[in-house]
Amino acid sequence: MGYVTSVPQPRSEASGPARSGRRSLAVALLCGALGAAVALLSSRQSWSAGTASVAGGDFPLTVKGSDITGVPAALAIVGLAALVAVFAVRRSGRLLVSALLALSGAGTIASALLGVGDSSALDEKAAEASGDTAATASALSHTAWPYVAVAGGALLLLAGLLALRYGRLWPAMSGRYERDGTPRPRKARPVDPDRPEDIWKALDRGEDPTGPDPAGT
């Protein structure tokens, strides 16, 4: 009876890391994909507005996130690519790609926060509208979209941290390789002496087609 009751214990211990790996994988995929989509979407929205003084009065100006900085959108694409690449590499390669994913999220956060107070894009539009290269925008206002980009970067950062912590438990993209990265050996077909092509293939492999069957039959 003692032997029977001790059997489930190792099984439960082994299932703990497997469950953690599955949960972390699902959360990382959701956070990474959603974070990249949010960062890309927010970069196409209006981040700030202002006015330019022209002959007819005040001319309204608006700029999108991509007009202020293209970094959040670029890093969102890099982070999405890194999220996919996590499953194509192993060991140290997976750590490096996971770190790249986390850095993409951190860079998205930093660049979006820096873009909140950047009025250079509005000033350029004010100069174009007024015809005066020294003109600047006035009555500046900002939307919440830069902070939405910050939220997208935070999701990418979380996905990268999860990959760094639990990536070793996640499956790889291809099943052709063993855990050590070496190809699985293919079983050689028995040589049929009545088929000349089988004899030539055996000779190419360095086998003796007239010798005993490798399967022992």
Protein backbone atom coordinates (compact mmCIF):
# COMPACT_ATOMS: atom_id res chain seq x y z
CA MET A 1 0.00 0.00 0.00
CA GLY A 2 2.91 2.33 0.78
CA TYR A 3 4.30 1.89 -2.73
CA VAL A 4 0.91 2.64 -4.36
CA THR A 5 0.35 5.89 -2.44
CA SER A 6 3.83 7.20 -3.30
CA VAL A 7 3.32 6.97 -7.09
CA PRO A 8 1.26 10.19 -7.61
CA GLN A 9 3.77 12.36 -5.72
CA PRO A 10 6.47 12.65 -8.43
CA ARG A 11 3.78 13.08 -11.03
CA SER A 12 2.30 16.07 -9.19
CA GLU A 13 5.73 17.60 -8.74
CA ALA A 14 6.42 17.33 -12.47
CA SER A 15 3.06 18.78 -13.44
CA GLY A 16 3.71 22.00 -11.50
CA PRO A 17 6.33 23.45 -13.88
CA ALA A 18 4.31 22.25 -16.87
CA ARG A 19 1.23 24.15 -15.69
CA SER A 20 3.33 27.25 -15.02
CA GLY A 21 4.80 27.00 -18.50
CA ARG A 22 1.39 26.72 -20.14
CA ARG A 23 -0.09 29.62 -18.17
CA SER A 24 2.91 31.88 -18.74
CA LEU A 25 2.93 31.02 -22.45
CA ALA A 26 -0.73 31.97 -22.86
CA VAL A 27 -0.30 35.21 -20.93
CA ALA A 28 2.87 36.16 -22.83
CA LEU A 29 1.27 35.53 -26.22
CA LEU A 30 -1.79 37.57 -25.29
CA CYS A 31 0.21 40.44 -23.80
CA GLY A 32 2.74 40.54 -26.63
CA ALA A 33 0.21 40.48 -29.45
CA LEU A 34 -2.14 42.93 -27.73
CA GLY A 35 0.70 45.26 -26.72
CA ALA A 36 2.08 45.44 -30.26
CA ALA A 37 -1.38 46.07 -31.72
CA VAL A 38 -2.12 48.81 -29.17
CA ALA A 39 1.22 50.55 -29.76
CA LEU A 40 0.74 50.47 -33.54
CA LEU A 41 -2.84 51.71 -33.31
CA SER A 42 -2.01 54.57 -30.95
CA SER A 43 0.82 55.81 -33.19
CA ARG A 44 -1.75 56.48 -35.93
CA GLN A 45 -3.98 58.59 -33.70
CA SER A 46 -3.86 62.30 -32.83
CA TRP A 47 -1.46 62.94 -29.95
CA SER A 48 -1.50 66.73 -29.71
CA ALA A 49 -3.17 69.81 -31.14
CA GLY A 50 -2.58 73.54 -31.31
CA THR A 51 -3.10 76.63 -33.42
CA ALA A 52 -1.01 78.73 -35.77
CA SER A 53 -1.43 82.46 -36.31
CA VAL A 54 -2.19 83.24 -39.95
CA ALA A 55 -3.60 86.27 -41.76
CA GLY A 56 -7.16 85.04 -41.42
CA GLY A 57 -6.88 84.21 -37.71
CA ASP A 58 -5.94 81.06 -35.83
CA PHE A 59 -5.42 77.95 -37.92
CA PRO A 60 -6.06 74.62 -36.10
CA LEU A 61 -3.26 72.04 -36.12
CA THR A 62 -3.16 68.38 -35.16
CA VAL A 63 -0.36 65.83 -35.28
CA LYS A 64 -0.43 62.07 -35.05
CA GLY A 65 1.90 59.97 -32.97
CA SER A 66 3.83 58.90 -36.06
CA ASP A 67 4.41 62.60 -36.87
CA ILE A 68 6.05 63.10 -33.47
CA THR A 69 8.06 59.90 -33.25
CA GLY A 70 8.18 56.66 -35.21
CA VAL A 71 9.95 54.78 -32.43
CA PRO A 72 6.87 53.23 -30.71
CA ALA A 73 5.55 51.76 -33.97
CA ALA A 74 8.98 50.47 -35.00
CA LEU A 75 9.61 48.88 -31.61
CA ALA A 76 6.14 47.33 -31.61
CA ILE A 77 7.00 45.55 -34.86
CA VAL A 78 10.36 44.46 -33.44
CA GLY A 79 8.65 43.17 -30.30
CA LEU A 80 6.08 41.23 -32.31
CA ALA A 81 8.84 39.64 -34.39
CA ALA A 82 10.75 38.77 -31.21
CA LEU A 83 7.64 37.17 -29.74
CA VAL A 84 7.40 34.84 -32.73
CA ALA A 85 11.16 34.19 -32.77
CA VAL A 86 11.07 33.00 -29.15
CA PHE A 87 9.64 29.70 -30.37
CA ALA A 88 12.22 29.28 -33.14
CA VAL A 89 15.31 29.39 -30.92
CA ARG A 90 16.57 27.54 -27.84
CA ARG A 91 18.67 28.08 -24.75
CA SER A 92 20.86 31.19 -25.02
CA GLY A 93 19.16 32.23 -28.25
CA ARG A 94 15.79 32.20 -26.52
CA LEU A 95 17.18 34.32 -23.68
CA LEU A 96 18.52 36.89 -26.13
CA VAL A 97 15.25 37.09 -28.07
CA SER A 98 13.28 37.35 -24.82
CA ALA A 99 15.53 40.21 -23.71
CA LEU A 100 14.93 41.92 -27.06
CA LEU A 101 11.19 41.58 -26.51
CA ALA A 102 11.45 43.14 -23.06
CA LEU A 103 13.67 45.96 -24.34
CA SER A 104 11.19 46.68 -27.13
CA GLY A 105 8.50 47.18 -24.53
CA ALA A 106 10.70 49.41 -22.38
CA GLY A 107 11.72 51.47 -25.42
CA THR A 108 8.09 51.89 -26.46
CA ILE A 109 7.23 53.22 -22.99
CA ALA A 110 10.15 55.66 -22.95
CA SER A 111 9.61 57.01 -26.46
CA ALA A 112 5.87 57.48 -25.92
CA LEU A 113 6.44 59.40 -22.69
CA LEU A 114 9.03 61.60 -24.37
CA GLY A 115 6.57 62.31 -27.18
CA VAL A 116 3.93 63.69 -24.78
CA GLY A 117 5.67 67.06 -24.41
CA ASP A 118 7.28 67.22 -27.85
CA SER A 119 5.86 70.18 -29.81
CA SER A 120 8.38 70.16 -32.68
CA ALA A 121 5.95 68.50 -35.09
CA LEU A 122 3.29 71.13 -34.30
CA ASP A 123 5.84 73.91 -34.77
CA GLU A 124 6.74 72.56 -38.20
CA LYS A 125 3.09 72.55 -39.23
CA ALA A 126 2.66 76.07 -37.83
CA ALA A 127 5.59 77.27 -39.93
CA GLU A 128 4.08 75.69 -43.04
CA ALA A 129 0.64 77.17 -42.40
CA SER A 130 1.87 80.68 -41.68
CA GLY A 131 4.74 80.79 -44.15
CA ASP A 132 7.05 81.94 -41.38
CA THR A 133 9.89 79.57 -40.53
CA ALA A 134 10.12 81.09 -37.04
CA ALA A 135 6.42 80.54 -36.23
CA THR A 136 5.47 78.19 -33.42
CA ALA A 137 2.23 76.55 -32.39
CA SER A 138 0.19 77.94 -29.54
CA ALA A 139 -2.72 76.78 -27.38
CA LEU A 140 -1.19 73.32 -27.15
CA SER A 141 -3.25 70.36 -25.94
CA HIS A 142 -2.58 66.65 -25.70
CA THR A 143 -4.73 63.55 -26.00
CA ALA A 144 -4.57 60.29 -24.08
CA TRP A 145 -3.17 58.30 -27.01
CA PRO A 146 0.49 58.62 -25.94
CA TYR A 147 -0.44 56.94 -22.68
CA VAL A 148 -2.25 54.22 -24.61
CA ALA A 149 1.07 53.61 -26.38
CA VAL A 150 2.70 53.44 -22.94
CA ALA A 151 0.19 50.75 -21.96
CA GLY A 152 1.04 48.81 -25.14
CA GLY A 153 4.72 49.03 -24.29
CA ALA A 154 4.00 47.79 -20.78
CA LEU A 155 2.28 44.72 -22.21
CA LEU A 156 5.28 44.04 -24.46
CA LEU A 157 7.60 44.45 -21.49
CA LEU A 158 5.51 42.00 -19.45
CA ALA A 159 5.61 39.47 -22.30
CA GLY A 160 9.40 39.79 -22.43
CA LEU A 161 9.78 39.33 -18.68
CA LEU A 162 7.57 36.23 -18.79
CA ALA A 163 9.69 34.85 -21.64
CA LEU A 164 12.86 35.47 -19.63
CA ARG A 165 11.42 33.76 -16.57
CA TYR A 166 9.49 30.85 -18.07
CA GLY A 167 10.76 30.60 -21.66
CA ARG A 168 12.78 27.48 -20.89
CA LEU A 169 9.49 25.65 -20.21
CA TRP A 170 7.90 26.66 -23.51
CA PRO A 171 7.84 24.35 -26.55
CA ALA A 172 9.88 24.99 -29.68
CA MET A 173 8.39 25.66 -33.10
CA SER A 174 9.73 22.53 -34.85
CA GLY A 175 9.37 18.94 -33.69
CA ARG A 176 12.16 17.57 -35.91
CA TYR A 177 14.78 18.06 -33.24
CA GLU A 178 15.43 16.52 -29.89
CA ARG A 179 15.83 18.56 -26.73
CA ASP A 180 19.59 18.88 -27.34
CA GLY A 181 19.01 20.37 -30.81
CA THR A 182 20.27 17.38 -32.83
CA PRO A 183 18.14 15.86 -35.60
CA ARG A 184 16.29 12.70 -34.79
CA PRO A 185 17.86 9.69 -36.53
CA ARG A 186 15.84 8.27 -39.38
CA LYS A 187 15.28 4.56 -39.53
CA ALA A 188 16.93 2.96 -42.57
CA ARG A 189 14.63 0.88 -44.74
CA PRO A 190 15.69 -2.69 -45.35
CA VAL A 191 17.46 -3.21 -48.68
CA ASP A 192 15.48 -5.14 -51.27
CA PRO A 193 18.00 -7.13 -53.40
CA ASP A 194 15.49 -7.20 -56.25
CA ARG A 195 15.45 -3.37 -56.45
CA PRO A 196 18.66 -1.95 -57.96
CA GLU A 197 17.84 1.56 -56.70
CA ASP A 198 17.81 0.26 -53.09
CA ILE A 199 21.23 -1.35 -53.60
CA TRP A 200 22.71 1.90 -54.96
CA LYS A 201 21.24 3.93 -52.07
CA ALA A 202 22.71 1.46 -49.58
CA LEU A 203 26.12 1.78 -51.22
CA ASP A 204 25.86 5.58 -51.04
CA ARG A 205 25.19 5.30 -47.30
CA GLY A 206 28.29 3.13 -46.88
CA GLU A 207 26.25 0.00 -46.14
CA ASP A 208 26.82 -3.52 -47.47
CA PRO A 209 23.63 -4.53 -49.31
CA THR A 210 24.73 -8.17 -49.28
CA GLY A 211 25.24 -8.21 -45.53
CA PRO A 212 22.70 -9.15 -42.80
CA ASP A 213 19.51 -7.14 -42.43
CA PRO A 214 20.07 -4.19 -40.02
CA ALA A 215 16.78 -5.04 -38.32
CA GLY A 216 18.15 -8.48 -37.51
CA THR A 217 15.59 -10.37 -39.58
